[in-house]
Amino acid sequence: MTYRVCLVCMGNICRSPMAEVVLRKTLENHGLGDRVVVESAGTGGWHVGDPMDERALEILALHGYDGAEHRARQFTGDWFDRYDLVLAMDRDNVSNLRRLAAPGGEVRLFRSFDPDAPEGAEVPDPYYGGREGFEEVLALVESASEGVAEHIADEIH
């Protein structure tokens, strides 16, 4: 059985693709890489088909990750059936996703899996800021990815 997870932000060029790359690597490190499909999407369609933001790619590369293959996609309501877990980067995206969801379509905040994060913690959007925002996003998604990997391990074992 393959477990499927989708990470979602607004445009799918910064936060969710960074989280996708990090979570995929984290799952590989936990020995789960061949049992879990990790994808990402945006709730908006502005960037569909575009690569990841250059600043996001740069920060990932500096820390040993490769996001070069990413192309932005838009999440649609019928996608809920594809995934075992849908994780949003912030409350706005949780709301957007819940409007798309059929009854029973569950959405959680990505950082809810970080035991050190306060309740309701979000991954802030770095798009309009500088490099430090992308560094912050990387640190936050690395922390939460460990918790997501543990959750998935419990689900599939």
N, C-alpha and C. Protein backbone atom coordinates (compact mmCIF):
# COMPACT_ATOMS: atom_id res chain seq x y z
N MET A 1 0.84 -1.18 0.00
CA MET A 1 0.00 0.00 0.00
C MET A 1 0.89 1.25 0.00
N THR A 2 0.57 2.18 -0.85
CA THR A 2 1.30 3.45 -0.91
C THR A 2 0.49 4.51 -0.18
N TYR A 3 1.13 5.19 0.73
CA TYR A 3 0.52 6.30 1.46
C TYR A 3 0.80 7.56 0.67
N ARG A 4 -0.20 8.45 0.56
CA ARG A 4 -0.06 9.65 -0.26
C ARG A 4 -0.36 10.89 0.57
N VAL A 5 0.54 11.87 0.46
CA VAL A 5 0.38 13.13 1.19
C VAL A 5 0.55 14.30 0.23
N CYS A 6 -0.25 15.35 0.43
CA CYS A 6 -0.14 16.56 -0.37
C CYS A 6 0.03 17.75 0.57
N LEU A 7 1.02 18.57 0.28
CA LEU A 7 1.34 19.77 1.05
C LEU A 7 0.87 20.97 0.24
N VAL A 8 0.18 21.91 0.89
CA VAL A 8 -0.50 22.97 0.14
C VAL A 8 -0.21 24.35 0.71
N CYS A 9 0.13 25.28 -0.20
CA CYS A 9 0.22 26.70 0.13
C CYS A 9 -0.57 27.48 -0.92
N MET A 10 -0.32 28.76 -1.06
CA MET A 10 -1.10 29.58 -2.00
C MET A 10 -0.75 29.31 -3.46
N GLY A 11 0.51 29.52 -3.84
CA GLY A 11 0.88 29.44 -5.25
C GLY A 11 1.71 28.26 -5.64
N ASN A 12 2.16 27.47 -4.67
CA ASN A 12 2.96 26.27 -4.89
C ASN A 12 4.31 26.57 -5.52
N ILE A 13 4.93 27.69 -5.09
CA ILE A 13 6.28 27.98 -5.57
C ILE A 13 7.27 28.24 -4.43
N CYS A 14 6.78 28.36 -3.18
CA CYS A 14 7.69 28.62 -2.05
C CYS A 14 7.54 27.55 -0.97
N ARG A 15 6.55 27.74 -0.10
CA ARG A 15 6.45 26.91 1.10
C ARG A 15 6.15 25.45 0.84
N SER A 16 5.07 25.17 0.12
CA SER A 16 4.71 23.75 -0.05
C SER A 16 5.72 22.96 -0.87
N PRO A 17 6.34 23.53 -1.92
CA PRO A 17 7.37 22.73 -2.59
C PRO A 17 8.62 22.55 -1.74
N MET A 18 8.96 23.55 -0.93
CA MET A 18 10.08 23.36 -0.01
C MET A 18 9.77 22.23 0.96
N ALA A 19 8.55 22.24 1.49
CA ALA A 19 8.13 21.19 2.42
C ALA A 19 8.09 19.83 1.73
N GLU A 20 7.67 19.80 0.48
CA GLU A 20 7.64 18.55 -0.29
C GLU A 20 9.03 17.93 -0.38
N VAL A 21 10.00 18.74 -0.76
CA VAL A 21 11.38 18.26 -0.91
C VAL A 21 11.94 17.78 0.43
N VAL A 22 11.71 18.56 1.48
CA VAL A 22 12.22 18.21 2.81
C VAL A 22 11.53 16.96 3.34
N LEU A 23 10.21 16.90 3.23
CA LEU A 23 9.49 15.73 3.75
C LEU A 23 9.90 14.47 3.00
N ARG A 24 10.06 14.57 1.70
CA ARG A 24 10.48 13.40 0.92
C ARG A 24 11.83 12.87 1.44
N LYS A 25 12.77 13.77 1.67
CA LYS A 25 14.09 13.38 2.20
C LYS A 25 13.98 12.81 3.61
N THR A 26 13.14 13.42 4.43
CA THR A 26 12.94 12.94 5.80
C THR A 26 12.36 11.53 5.79
N LEU A 27 11.40 11.29 4.93
CA LEU A 27 10.82 9.95 4.83
C LEU A 27 11.85 8.93 4.34
N GLU A 28 12.70 9.33 3.41
CA GLU A 28 13.79 8.45 2.97
C GLU A 28 14.70 8.11 4.15
N ASN A 29 15.02 9.12 4.95
CA ASN A 29 15.88 8.91 6.12
C ASN A 29 15.24 7.98 7.14
N HIS A 30 13.91 7.93 7.17
CA HIS A 30 13.18 7.05 8.08
C HIS A 30 12.89 5.69 7.45
N GLY A 31 13.40 5.45 6.24
CA GLY A 31 13.18 4.18 5.57
C GLY A 31 11.80 4.04 4.97
N LEU A 32 11.12 5.15 4.75
CA LEU A 32 9.75 5.11 4.24
C LEU A 32 9.62 5.67 2.83
N GLY A 33 10.73 6.05 2.23
CA GLY A 33 10.68 6.72 0.93
C GLY A 33 9.98 5.94 -0.16
N ASP A 34 10.08 4.63 -0.12
CA ASP A 34 9.45 3.81 -1.17
C ASP A 34 7.99 3.50 -0.88
N ARG A 35 7.49 3.90 0.29
CA ARG A 35 6.12 3.59 0.67
C ARG A 35 5.21 4.82 0.72
N VAL A 36 5.79 6.00 0.48
CA VAL A 36 5.03 7.25 0.60
C VAL A 36 5.28 8.12 -0.62
N VAL A 37 4.20 8.63 -1.20
CA VAL A 37 4.28 9.61 -2.28
C VAL A 37 4.00 10.97 -1.68
N VAL A 38 4.93 11.90 -1.90
CA VAL A 38 4.78 13.27 -1.38
C VAL A 38 4.65 14.21 -2.58
N GLU A 39 3.59 15.00 -2.57
CA GLU A 39 3.36 15.97 -3.63
C GLU A 39 2.97 17.29 -2.99
N SER A 40 2.90 18.34 -3.81
CA SER A 40 2.46 19.63 -3.30
C SER A 40 1.63 20.33 -4.35
N ALA A 41 0.88 21.33 -3.90
CA ALA A 41 0.01 22.10 -4.79
C ALA A 41 -0.30 23.43 -4.13
N GLY A 42 -0.90 24.30 -4.90
CA GLY A 42 -1.35 25.59 -4.39
C GLY A 42 -2.86 25.69 -4.46
N THR A 43 -3.44 26.54 -3.65
CA THR A 43 -4.88 26.77 -3.74
C THR A 43 -5.21 27.76 -4.85
N GLY A 44 -4.22 28.53 -5.28
CA GLY A 44 -4.40 29.46 -6.40
C GLY A 44 -3.69 28.95 -7.63
N GLY A 45 -4.11 29.43 -8.78
CA GLY A 45 -3.55 28.95 -10.03
C GLY A 45 -2.58 29.88 -10.72
N TRP A 46 -2.12 30.92 -10.04
CA TRP A 46 -1.27 31.94 -10.67
C TRP A 46 0.01 31.40 -11.26
N HIS A 47 0.58 30.39 -10.63
CA HIS A 47 1.92 29.93 -11.03
C HIS A 47 1.93 28.53 -11.64
N VAL A 48 0.76 27.99 -12.01
CA VAL A 48 0.70 26.62 -12.53
C VAL A 48 1.72 26.45 -13.66
N GLY A 49 2.54 25.42 -13.53
CA GLY A 49 3.57 25.10 -14.52
C GLY A 49 4.91 25.76 -14.28
N ASP A 50 4.95 26.72 -13.36
CA ASP A 50 6.20 27.42 -13.07
C ASP A 50 7.11 26.61 -12.15
N PRO A 51 8.42 26.83 -12.25
CA PRO A 51 9.33 26.20 -11.29
C PRO A 51 9.22 26.87 -9.92
N MET A 52 9.89 26.29 -8.98
CA MET A 52 9.95 26.85 -7.63
C MET A 52 10.63 28.22 -7.66
N ASP A 53 10.23 29.08 -6.76
CA ASP A 53 10.85 30.40 -6.61
C ASP A 53 12.37 30.22 -6.49
N GLU A 54 13.13 31.06 -7.19
CA GLU A 54 14.59 30.94 -7.21
C GLU A 54 15.20 31.03 -5.81
N ARG A 55 14.61 31.85 -4.95
CA ARG A 55 15.13 31.97 -3.58
C ARG A 55 14.93 30.68 -2.81
N ALA A 56 13.80 30.04 -3.02
CA ALA A 56 13.53 28.76 -2.36
C ALA A 56 14.52 27.70 -2.85
N LEU A 57 14.73 27.66 -4.16
CA LEU A 57 15.70 26.71 -4.72
C LEU A 57 17.09 26.92 -4.16
N GLU A 58 17.48 28.19 -4.05
CA GLU A 58 18.82 28.52 -3.54
C GLU A 58 18.99 28.06 -2.10
N ILE A 59 18.01 28.35 -1.26
CA ILE A 59 18.11 27.96 0.15
C ILE A 59 18.12 26.44 0.28
N LEU A 60 17.26 25.76 -0.47
CA LEU A 60 17.27 24.30 -0.43
C LEU A 60 18.63 23.75 -0.84
N ALA A 61 19.18 24.26 -1.93
CA ALA A 61 20.47 23.78 -2.43
C ALA A 61 21.58 24.01 -1.40
N LEU A 62 21.56 25.14 -0.74
CA LEU A 62 22.57 25.43 0.28
C LEU A 62 22.53 24.43 1.44
N HIS A 63 21.38 23.79 1.60
CA HIS A 63 21.22 22.83 2.70
C HIS A 63 21.14 21.39 2.21
N GLY A 64 21.54 21.16 0.95
CA GLY A 64 21.65 19.80 0.44
C GLY A 64 20.39 19.20 -0.15
N TYR A 65 19.43 20.03 -0.48
CA TYR A 65 18.18 19.55 -1.09
C TYR A 65 18.12 19.97 -2.55
N ASP A 66 17.36 19.24 -3.33
CA ASP A 66 17.20 19.56 -4.75
C ASP A 66 15.73 19.72 -5.10
N GLY A 67 15.34 20.92 -5.48
CA GLY A 67 13.96 21.18 -5.86
C GLY A 67 13.81 21.54 -7.33
N ALA A 68 14.82 21.25 -8.12
CA ALA A 68 14.85 21.70 -9.52
C ALA A 68 13.74 21.13 -10.39
N GLU A 69 13.24 19.97 -10.06
CA GLU A 69 12.22 19.32 -10.90
C GLU A 69 10.81 19.84 -10.63
N HIS A 70 10.62 20.61 -9.59
CA HIS A 70 9.27 21.04 -9.21
C HIS A 70 8.61 21.92 -10.26
N ARG A 71 7.32 21.68 -10.48
CA ARG A 71 6.47 22.56 -11.28
C ARG A 71 5.16 22.75 -10.51
N ALA A 72 4.73 24.00 -10.42
CA ALA A 72 3.56 24.33 -9.61
C ALA A 72 2.28 23.73 -10.19
N ARG A 73 1.41 23.33 -9.27
CA ARG A 73 0.09 22.76 -9.62
C ARG A 73 -0.96 23.42 -8.73
N GLN A 74 -2.21 23.31 -9.13
CA GLN A 74 -3.31 23.83 -8.32
C GLN A 74 -4.15 22.69 -7.80
N PHE A 75 -4.42 22.72 -6.51
CA PHE A 75 -5.24 21.70 -5.85
C PHE A 75 -6.71 21.91 -6.23
N THR A 76 -7.39 20.84 -6.58
CA THR A 76 -8.82 20.92 -6.84
C THR A 76 -9.55 19.95 -5.92
N GLY A 77 -10.83 20.19 -5.73
CA GLY A 77 -11.61 19.43 -4.76
C GLY A 77 -11.59 17.93 -4.96
N ASP A 78 -11.53 17.47 -6.20
CA ASP A 78 -11.53 16.03 -6.44
C ASP A 78 -10.22 15.36 -6.03
N TRP A 79 -9.23 16.15 -5.69
CA TRP A 79 -7.94 15.58 -5.27
C TRP A 79 -8.00 14.96 -3.88
N PHE A 80 -8.98 15.32 -3.06
CA PHE A 80 -9.03 14.76 -1.71
C PHE A 80 -9.05 13.24 -1.73
N ASP A 81 -9.69 12.67 -2.74
CA ASP A 81 -9.75 11.21 -2.84
C ASP A 81 -8.39 10.58 -3.12
N ARG A 82 -7.45 11.36 -3.63
CA ARG A 82 -6.11 10.85 -3.98
C ARG A 82 -5.20 10.70 -2.77
N TYR A 83 -5.47 11.44 -1.71
CA TYR A 83 -4.51 11.58 -0.62
C TYR A 83 -5.02 11.04 0.71
N ASP A 84 -4.08 10.49 1.46
CA ASP A 84 -4.37 10.05 2.82
C ASP A 84 -4.23 11.20 3.80
N LEU A 85 -3.43 12.20 3.43
CA LEU A 85 -3.15 13.32 4.32
C LEU A 85 -2.96 14.58 3.48
N VAL A 86 -3.71 15.63 3.80
CA VAL A 86 -3.59 16.93 3.14
C VAL A 86 -3.20 17.93 4.22
N LEU A 87 -2.05 18.58 4.02
CA LEU A 87 -1.50 19.48 5.02
C LEU A 87 -1.32 20.87 4.42
N ALA A 88 -1.89 21.86 5.10
CA ALA A 88 -1.79 23.25 4.64
C ALA A 88 -0.73 24.00 5.43
N MET A 89 -0.11 24.96 4.77
CA MET A 89 0.95 25.74 5.40
C MET A 89 0.41 26.81 6.35
N ASP A 90 -0.82 27.28 6.14
CA ASP A 90 -1.38 28.31 7.02
C ASP A 90 -2.90 28.19 7.08
N ARG A 91 -3.50 28.98 7.97
CA ARG A 91 -4.95 28.92 8.18
C ARG A 91 -5.74 29.36 6.95
N ASP A 92 -5.22 30.33 6.19
CA ASP A 92 -5.93 30.74 4.97
C ASP A 92 -6.06 29.57 4.01
N ASN A 93 -5.01 28.80 3.88
CA ASN A 93 -5.07 27.65 2.99
C ASN A 93 -5.92 26.53 3.56
N VAL A 94 -5.97 26.38 4.87
CA VAL A 94 -6.90 25.42 5.47
C VAL A 94 -8.32 25.81 5.08
N SER A 95 -8.66 27.09 5.22
CA SER A 95 -10.00 27.57 4.85
C SER A 95 -10.29 27.34 3.38
N ASN A 96 -9.33 27.68 2.52
CA ASN A 96 -9.52 27.48 1.08
C ASN A 96 -9.76 26.01 0.75
N LEU A 97 -8.98 25.14 1.38
CA LEU A 97 -9.13 23.70 1.13
C LEU A 97 -10.45 23.16 1.67
N ARG A 98 -10.86 23.62 2.81
CA ARG A 98 -12.13 23.15 3.38
C ARG A 98 -13.31 23.55 2.51
N ARG A 99 -13.21 24.68 1.83
CA ARG A 99 -14.28 25.07 0.90
C ARG A 99 -14.34 24.11 -0.29
N LEU A 100 -13.22 23.53 -0.66
CA LEU A 100 -13.16 22.58 -1.77
C LEU A 100 -13.54 21.16 -1.37
N ALA A 101 -13.42 20.85 -0.09
CA ALA A 101 -13.55 19.47 0.38
C ALA A 101 -14.99 18.99 0.43
N ALA A 102 -15.17 17.75 0.03
CA ALA A 102 -16.44 17.07 0.25
C ALA A 102 -16.50 16.71 1.73
N PRO A 103 -17.67 16.39 2.25
CA PRO A 103 -17.74 15.96 3.65
C PRO A 103 -16.74 14.84 3.94
N GLY A 104 -16.02 14.99 5.01
CA GLY A 104 -15.02 14.00 5.40
C GLY A 104 -13.63 14.30 4.88
N GLY A 105 -13.50 15.31 4.01
CA GLY A 105 -12.18 15.68 3.52
C GLY A 105 -11.43 16.45 4.60
N GLU A 106 -10.42 15.82 5.18
CA GLU A 106 -9.72 16.42 6.32
C GLU A 106 -8.49 17.20 5.87
N VAL A 107 -8.28 18.34 6.51
CA VAL A 107 -7.11 19.17 6.27
C VAL A 107 -6.51 19.53 7.62
N ARG A 108 -5.20 19.45 7.72
CA ARG A 108 -4.52 19.85 8.95
C ARG A 108 -3.42 20.83 8.63
N LEU A 109 -3.03 21.61 9.63
CA LEU A 109 -1.88 22.49 9.48
C LEU A 109 -0.60 21.65 9.52
N PHE A 110 0.31 21.95 8.64
CA PHE A 110 1.58 21.22 8.56
C PHE A 110 2.32 21.27 9.89
N ARG A 111 2.38 22.44 10.52
CA ARG A 111 3.15 22.57 11.76
C ARG A 111 2.47 21.93 12.96
N SER A 112 1.25 21.43 12.80
CA SER A 112 0.60 20.74 13.91
C SER A 112 1.35 19.46 14.27
N PHE A 113 2.25 19.02 13.41
CA PHE A 113 3.06 17.82 13.67
C PHE A 113 4.39 18.13 14.35
N ASP A 114 4.66 19.41 14.59
CA ASP A 114 5.89 19.81 15.26
C ASP A 114 5.59 19.94 16.75
N PRO A 115 6.14 19.05 17.59
CA PRO A 115 5.81 19.07 19.01
C PRO A 115 6.26 20.36 19.72
N ASP A 116 7.19 21.09 19.12
CA ASP A 116 7.66 22.34 19.73
C ASP A 116 6.89 23.57 19.26
N ALA A 117 5.99 23.40 18.31
CA ALA A 117 5.23 24.53 17.77
C ALA A 117 3.98 24.77 18.62
N PRO A 118 3.63 26.03 18.83
CA PRO A 118 2.39 26.31 19.55
C PRO A 118 1.18 25.89 18.73
N GLU A 119 0.06 25.68 19.39
CA GLU A 119 -1.16 25.30 18.69
C GLU A 119 -1.51 26.37 17.65
N GLY A 120 -1.88 25.93 16.47
CA GLY A 120 -2.25 26.85 15.41
C GLY A 120 -1.08 27.47 14.66
N ALA A 121 0.14 26.99 14.92
CA ALA A 121 1.33 27.56 14.28
C ALA A 121 1.29 27.34 12.77
N GLU A 122 1.76 28.34 12.05
CA GLU A 122 1.75 28.33 10.60
C GLU A 122 3.18 28.42 10.05
N VAL A 123 3.31 28.12 8.78
CA VAL A 123 4.54 28.38 8.04
C VAL A 123 4.30 29.70 7.31
N PRO A 124 5.00 30.77 7.69
CA PRO A 124 4.74 32.08 7.09
C PRO A 124 5.17 32.13 5.62
N ASP A 125 4.48 32.94 4.86
CA ASP A 125 4.76 33.09 3.43
C ASP A 125 5.97 34.00 3.25
N PRO A 126 7.07 33.49 2.67
CA PRO A 126 8.28 34.30 2.51
C PRO A 126 8.32 35.10 1.21
N TYR A 127 7.30 34.96 0.37
CA TYR A 127 7.35 35.47 -1.00
C TYR A 127 7.72 36.95 -1.11
N TYR A 128 7.16 37.79 -0.26
CA TYR A 128 7.39 39.24 -0.37
C TYR A 128 8.57 39.73 0.46
N GLY A 129 9.30 38.82 1.06
CA GLY A 129 10.43 39.21 1.90
C GLY A 129 11.75 38.82 1.28
N GLY A 130 12.75 38.78 2.13
CA GLY A 130 14.10 38.45 1.69
C GLY A 130 14.47 37.01 1.98
N ARG A 131 15.75 36.76 1.81
CA ARG A 131 16.32 35.44 1.98
C ARG A 131 16.05 34.84 3.37
N GLU A 132 16.06 35.70 4.40
CA GLU A 132 15.86 35.20 5.77
C GLU A 132 14.51 34.51 5.94
N GLY A 133 13.50 34.95 5.20
CA GLY A 133 12.19 34.31 5.26
C GLY A 133 12.23 32.88 4.73
N PHE A 134 13.02 32.66 3.71
CA PHE A 134 13.15 31.32 3.14
C PHE A 134 13.95 30.42 4.07
N GLU A 135 14.95 30.98 4.73
CA GLU A 135 15.70 30.22 5.75
C GLU A 135 14.76 29.81 6.89
N GLU A 136 13.90 30.74 7.31
CA GLU A 136 12.94 30.43 8.38
C GLU A 136 11.99 29.31 7.94
N VAL A 137 11.48 29.41 6.72
CA VAL A 137 10.58 28.37 6.21
C VAL A 137 11.28 27.01 6.23
N LEU A 138 12.52 26.97 5.77
CA LEU A 138 13.25 25.70 5.77
C LEU A 138 13.36 25.13 7.18
N ALA A 139 13.74 25.94 8.13
CA ALA A 139 13.87 25.45 9.51
C ALA A 139 12.53 24.93 10.04
N LEU A 140 11.45 25.64 9.76
CA LEU A 140 10.13 25.21 10.24
C LEU A 140 9.68 23.92 9.59
N VAL A 141 9.91 23.78 8.28
CA VAL A 141 9.46 22.56 7.62
C VAL A 141 10.35 21.37 7.99
N GLU A 142 11.61 21.61 8.26
CA GLU A 142 12.46 20.51 8.73
C GLU A 142 11.95 19.99 10.07
N SER A 143 11.61 20.89 10.99
CA SER A 143 11.11 20.47 12.31
C SER A 143 9.80 19.71 12.19
N ALA A 144 8.87 20.25 11.42
CA ALA A 144 7.56 19.60 11.30
C ALA A 144 7.65 18.30 10.51
N SER A 145 8.57 18.20 9.58
CA SER A 145 8.69 16.99 8.76
C SER A 145 9.01 15.76 9.59
N GLU A 146 9.79 15.93 10.63
CA GLU A 146 10.07 14.79 11.52
C GLU A 146 8.77 14.26 12.13
N GLY A 147 7.93 15.15 12.60
CA GLY A 147 6.65 14.74 13.19
C GLY A 147 5.71 14.13 12.16
N VAL A 148 5.70 14.67 10.95
CA VAL A 148 4.87 14.11 9.88
C VAL A 148 5.35 12.70 9.56
N ALA A 149 6.66 12.51 9.46
CA ALA A 149 7.22 11.19 9.17
C ALA A 149 6.84 10.18 10.25
N GLU A 150 6.91 10.59 11.50
CA GLU A 150 6.52 9.69 12.59
C GLU A 150 5.04 9.34 12.51
N HIS A 151 4.21 10.32 12.21
CA HIS A 151 2.77 10.10 12.06
C HIS A 151 2.50 9.09 10.93
N ILE A 152 3.15 9.30 9.79
CA ILE A 152 2.95 8.40 8.66
C ILE A 152 3.44 7.00 9.00
N ALA A 153 4.57 6.90 9.67
CA ALA A 153 5.09 5.59 10.07
C ALA A 153 4.06 4.85 10.94
N ASP A 154 3.43 5.56 11.86
CA ASP A 154 2.40 4.95 12.71
C ASP A 154 1.19 4.52 11.87
N GLU A 155 0.84 5.33 10.87
CA GLU A 155 -0.32 5.03 10.03
C GLU A 155 -0.11 3.80 9.17
N ILE A 156 1.10 3.60 8.65
CA ILE A 156 1.31 2.51 7.70
C ILE A 156 1.85 1.23 8.35
N HIS A 157 2.20 1.29 9.60
CA HIS A 157 2.68 0.06 10.27
C HIS A 157 1.61 -0.60 11.05
